[in-house]
Each structure stands twice: as structure tokens, then as C-alpha cells.
């Protein structure tokens, strides 16, 4: 059984940790936050990964005064997520982001979206996140 999952925009790796805990083998592309090469130069091999997971940077759509700001400073990276999913052609993908971010649109995939609040998972924060699942 193929249990390879490609993780892009890994950040601190919390989404990766959950998938590893569920038994998936997670392959990460790295993250510019940690001084690694940007996603724009990465090209995914086709038909290797069962799924693609990731959370493109959210600052462009964040409502928090600490994060929101100049849209030019915070480019839309969702098209890069869409490009990599299109290249990889996995069975499914999962994108995590803030509620104001646009849903991913990828030819050949039907997308379902669900808002989850951090407190629903035991956190003291109210922080809402949107999870978009495509298959």
C-alpha cells in the first residue's frame, strides 16, 4: 500500500506530525521560514504520492492585526499549492488555512471544506482554521 504523503509549506510540522502518527510516511519539501529553498522551484513527481498536505502562508487573508497587512508583502501562495497538486496527481489533498483564504481550485478534484476551532480539539484558543479536502 502506498502511504507516501508530500508535505508542502510545512512550517512547524504539526500537520506532518498528525499524518505520521496516523501511519503515513511524510516527505517534506522544506520551508523558507527555516532558510530553505522556496516552493516556487520545487516540482513534484507524478503518481508517487497518495496525498499532498500543507498550509500555504495565511497572512494575506488573516484578520489578526498582528498578521494582516500589506498584501504585496504577503503574496498569495495558494496557486503554488494548486500547481504542486496538479503536478503530483495524488488521490487526495488536504490544505489548511484561515477562514478568509480562497478554496483551492484544481482540475479533476472535488473540494470539501470544514471549519474547525482549536478549542474543539482541546486547546484554550478559539482560533478557527479551514481544512479543504480534495479528491
Protein backbone atom coordinates (compact mmCIF):
# COMPACT_ATOMS: atom_id res chain seq x y z
CA UNK A 1 0.00 0.00 0.00
CA UNK A 2 1.29 3.47 -0.90
CA UNK A 3 1.35 5.58 2.25
CA UNK A 4 3.62 8.37 0.95
CA UNK A 5 2.35 11.89 1.62
CA UNK A 6 4.03 15.03 0.29
CA UNK A 7 4.06 17.92 2.74
CA UNK A 8 4.49 21.44 1.35
CA UNK A 9 4.54 24.68 3.36
CA UNK A 10 5.46 22.55 6.36
CA UNK A 11 6.06 25.39 8.83
CA UNK A 12 6.48 23.89 12.29
CA UNK A 13 5.39 20.47 11.02
CA UNK A 14 2.30 19.96 13.17
CA UNK A 15 0.18 18.71 10.26
CA UNK A 16 3.06 16.38 9.32
CA UNK A 17 3.17 15.05 12.88
CA UNK A 18 -0.51 14.13 12.76
CA UNK A 19 -0.11 12.26 9.49
CA UNK A 20 2.97 10.41 10.77
CA UNK A 21 1.05 9.44 13.89
CA UNK A 22 -1.69 8.05 11.60
CA UNK A 23 0.88 5.81 9.88
CA UNK A 24 1.77 7.81 6.78
CA UNK A 25 5.33 8.31 5.55
CA UNK A 26 5.60 12.10 5.17
CA UNK A 27 8.11 13.60 2.73
CA UNK A 28 8.69 17.34 3.27
CA UNK A 29 9.75 19.92 0.71
CA UNK A 30 11.16 22.29 3.33
CA UNK A 31 10.06 25.79 4.21
CA UNK A 32 11.58 29.24 3.54
CA UNK A 33 10.74 30.14 7.17
CA UNK A 34 13.69 27.93 8.10
CA UNK A 35 16.02 29.29 5.42
CA UNK A 36 15.28 26.51 2.94
CA UNK A 37 14.64 26.93 -0.77
CA UNK A 38 11.29 28.41 -1.79
CA UNK A 39 8.47 26.24 -3.11
CA UNK A 40 8.49 28.01 -6.49
CA UNK A 41 11.44 25.90 -7.68
CA UNK A 42 10.04 22.57 -6.48
CA UNK A 43 8.43 20.18 -8.97
CA UNK A 44 6.56 17.13 -7.71
CA UNK A 45 6.91 13.77 -9.45
CA UNK A 46 3.63 12.44 -10.80
CA UNK A 47 1.87 9.37 -9.36
CA UNK A 48 4.30 8.90 -6.44
CA UNK A 49 2.32 10.35 -3.52
CA UNK A 50 -1.01 9.14 -2.15
CA UNK A 51 -1.75 12.65 -0.86
CA UNK A 52 -0.42 16.20 -0.63
CA UNK A 53 -0.81 18.21 2.58
CA UNK A 54 0.08 21.76 3.52
CA UNK A 55 -0.86 25.17 4.78
CA UNK A 56 0.18 28.00 2.46
CA UNK A 57 1.07 31.22 4.32
CA UNK A 58 -2.09 32.85 5.68
CA UNK A 59 -1.02 36.44 6.38
CA UNK A 60 -2.65 37.78 3.21
CA UNK A 61 -6.12 36.77 4.50
CA UNK A 62 -5.58 36.90 8.27
CA UNK A 63 -7.94 39.05 10.31
CA UNK A 64 -5.49 39.36 13.20
CA UNK A 65 -3.93 42.83 13.41
CA UNK A 66 -0.61 41.13 14.19
CA UNK A 67 -0.59 39.28 10.87
CA UNK A 68 -2.72 41.24 8.42
CA UNK A 69 -1.10 43.96 6.41
CA UNK A 70 0.43 44.82 3.09
CA UNK A 71 -0.81 42.28 0.54
CA UNK A 72 2.28 42.82 -1.62
CA UNK A 73 4.43 41.77 1.30
CA UNK A 74 2.34 38.61 1.74
CA UNK A 75 1.83 37.05 -1.72
CA UNK A 76 -0.86 34.53 -2.50
CA UNK A 77 0.87 31.13 -2.34
CA UNK A 78 -2.27 29.04 -2.88
CA UNK A 79 -1.55 28.89 -6.66
CA UNK A 80 1.77 27.18 -5.80
CA UNK A 81 -0.14 24.62 -3.70
CA UNK A 82 -2.53 24.08 -6.63
CA UNK A 83 0.40 23.73 -9.08
CA UNK A 84 2.14 21.09 -6.99
CA UNK A 85 -1.05 19.07 -6.50
CA UNK A 86 -1.65 19.26 -10.27
CA UNK A 87 1.90 18.03 -10.94
CA UNK A 88 1.82 15.23 -8.34
CA UNK A 89 -1.69 13.98 -9.23
CA UNK A 90 -2.28 12.37 -5.82
CA UNK A 91 -5.53 10.59 -4.89
CA UNK A 92 -6.32 13.40 -2.44
CA UNK A 93 -5.02 16.61 -0.87
CA UNK A 94 -5.58 18.50 2.38
CA UNK A 95 -4.97 22.24 2.65
CA UNK A 96 -5.16 24.08 5.97
CA UNK A 97 -5.62 27.85 6.16
CA UNK A 98 -7.56 30.73 7.73
CA UNK A 99 -11.27 31.20 7.03
CA UNK A 100 -10.70 34.16 4.68
CA UNK A 101 -8.35 32.32 2.31
CA UNK A 102 -9.80 31.15 -1.01
CA UNK A 103 -10.54 27.49 -1.51
CA UNK A 104 -8.09 25.64 -3.74
CA UNK A 105 -9.33 25.01 -7.27
CA UNK A 106 -7.61 22.11 -9.02
CA UNK A 107 -8.88 20.50 -12.20
CA UNK A 108 -10.10 16.96 -11.60
CA UNK A 109 -10.64 17.37 -7.84
CA UNK A 110 -13.85 17.97 -5.91
CA UNK A 111 -13.18 20.07 -2.80
CA UNK A 112 -14.97 19.87 0.55
CA UNK A 113 -14.29 22.41 3.27
CA UNK A 114 -14.73 22.33 7.05
CA UNK A 115 -14.05 24.98 9.69
CA UNK A 116 -12.54 23.65 12.91
CA UNK A 117 -11.91 25.71 16.04
CA UNK A 118 -8.84 24.95 18.14
CA UNK A 119 -10.96 24.65 21.29
CA UNK A 120 -12.85 21.73 19.68
CA UNK A 121 -9.56 19.80 19.85
CA UNK A 122 -8.74 20.67 23.46
CA UNK A 123 -6.87 23.96 23.03
CA UNK A 124 -7.68 27.03 25.09
CA UNK A 125 -7.60 29.12 21.88
CA UNK A 126 -10.70 29.88 19.85
CA UNK A 127 -8.61 30.09 16.63
CA UNK A 128 -10.63 28.88 13.60
CA UNK A 129 -8.92 27.06 10.73
CA UNK A 130 -10.34 25.85 7.45
CA UNK A 131 -9.44 22.41 6.18
CA UNK A 132 -10.07 21.83 2.47
CA UNK A 133 -10.03 18.23 1.29
CA UNK A 134 -9.86 17.44 -2.40
CA UNK A 135 -10.38 14.06 -4.04
